[in-house]
Amino acid sequence: MHGDSEKTHLRRKNLILDQRKIDQAREVLHAATETEAISRALDAVSEMARFRAETEAGFDDLLGRGGFVDPFEGEPRE
């Protein structure tokens, strides 16, 4: 195995993806290449998951202290 690929965990993939989504990701993420756009998009997913976990933990802590009341709790969903 190559030392560089072991360090970065890069692997070649053959994927079928929606070109419009890749183009949009390149534009939104200001990526120079499709590979860079996909890599940045995957990084964003990890960041969103981390943010969600931190937010949920914060709300749980707040609820545990009685500092937050959900005004919609118990209301029926449409």
Protein backbone atom coordinates (compact mmCIF):
# COMPACT_ATOMS: atom_id res chain seq x y z
CA MET A 1 0.00 0.00 0.00
CA HIS A 2 1.01 3.58 -0.52
CA GLY A 3 1.92 5.54 2.61
CA ASP A 4 0.09 8.68 1.43
CA SER A 5 -3.26 6.96 0.85
CA GLU A 6 -3.04 5.30 4.27
CA LYS A 7 -2.53 8.67 5.95
CA THR A 8 -5.36 10.47 4.16
CA HIS A 9 -7.74 7.54 3.74
CA LEU A 10 -8.42 8.61 0.15
CA ARG A 11 -10.01 5.99 -2.06
CA ARG A 12 -11.01 6.12 -5.70
CA LYS A 13 -14.78 5.70 -6.13
CA ASN A 14 -16.99 5.13 -9.13
CA LEU A 15 -20.34 6.74 -8.33
CA ILE A 16 -23.44 7.69 -10.27
CA LEU A 17 -24.46 11.17 -9.06
CA ASP A 18 -26.84 13.89 -10.19
CA GLN A 19 -24.69 16.40 -12.11
CA ARG A 20 -27.00 19.27 -11.15
CA LYS A 21 -26.34 18.56 -7.48
CA ILE A 22 -22.59 18.48 -8.03
CA ASP A 23 -22.73 21.77 -9.97
CA GLN A 24 -24.79 23.37 -7.20
CA ALA A 25 -22.39 22.11 -4.54
CA ARG A 26 -19.42 23.51 -6.48
CA GLU A 27 -21.11 26.88 -6.69
CA VAL A 28 -22.33 27.04 -3.08
CA LEU A 29 -19.07 25.73 -1.63
CA HIS A 30 -16.83 27.71 -4.02
CA ALA A 31 -15.04 24.51 -4.96
CA ALA A 32 -12.64 24.43 -7.89
CA THR A 33 -13.32 20.79 -8.74
CA GLU A 34 -16.09 18.24 -8.39
CA THR A 35 -13.94 16.21 -6.01
CA GLU A 36 -13.38 19.24 -3.81
CA ALA A 37 -17.12 20.01 -3.83
CA ILE A 38 -18.04 16.48 -2.77
CA SER A 39 -15.35 16.44 -0.09
CA ARG A 40 -16.54 19.76 1.32
CA ALA A 41 -20.16 18.59 1.23
CA LEU A 42 -19.25 15.47 3.20
CA ASP A 43 -17.36 17.63 5.70
CA ALA A 44 -20.48 19.79 6.05
CA VAL A 45 -22.55 16.71 6.89
CA SER A 46 -20.14 15.85 9.71
CA GLU A 47 -20.27 19.43 10.99
CA MET A 48 -24.08 19.43 10.90
CA ALA A 49 -24.22 16.17 12.85
CA ARG A 50 -21.85 17.57 15.47
CA PHE A 51 -23.88 20.80 15.67
CA ARG A 52 -27.13 18.87 16.07
CA ALA A 53 -25.68 16.73 18.85
CA GLU A 54 -24.39 19.79 20.71
CA THR A 55 -27.72 21.61 20.26
CA GLU A 56 -29.73 18.63 21.50
CA ALA A 57 -27.43 18.23 24.49
CA GLY A 58 -27.84 21.93 25.28
CA PHE A 59 -31.63 21.72 25.08
CA ASP A 60 -31.64 18.59 27.23
CA ASP A 61 -29.55 20.42 29.82
CA LEU A 62 -31.85 23.45 29.64
CA LEU A 63 -34.98 21.32 29.97
CA GLY A 64 -33.45 19.45 32.88
CA ARG A 65 -33.09 22.72 34.76
CA GLY A 66 -36.60 23.87 33.86
CA GLY A 67 -35.23 26.78 31.86
CA PHE A 68 -37.04 26.02 28.62
CA VAL A 69 -40.71 25.37 28.03
CA ASP A 70 -41.91 24.05 24.68
CA PRO A 71 -45.11 26.00 23.88
CA PHE A 72 -46.04 23.43 21.23
CA GLU A 73 -45.61 20.34 23.39
CA GLY A 74 -48.68 18.15 23.27
CA GLU A 75 -50.29 20.00 20.36
CA PRO A 76 -51.54 17.72 17.58
CA ARG A 77 -49.55 17.65 14.34
CA GLU A 78 -51.20 18.22 11.04
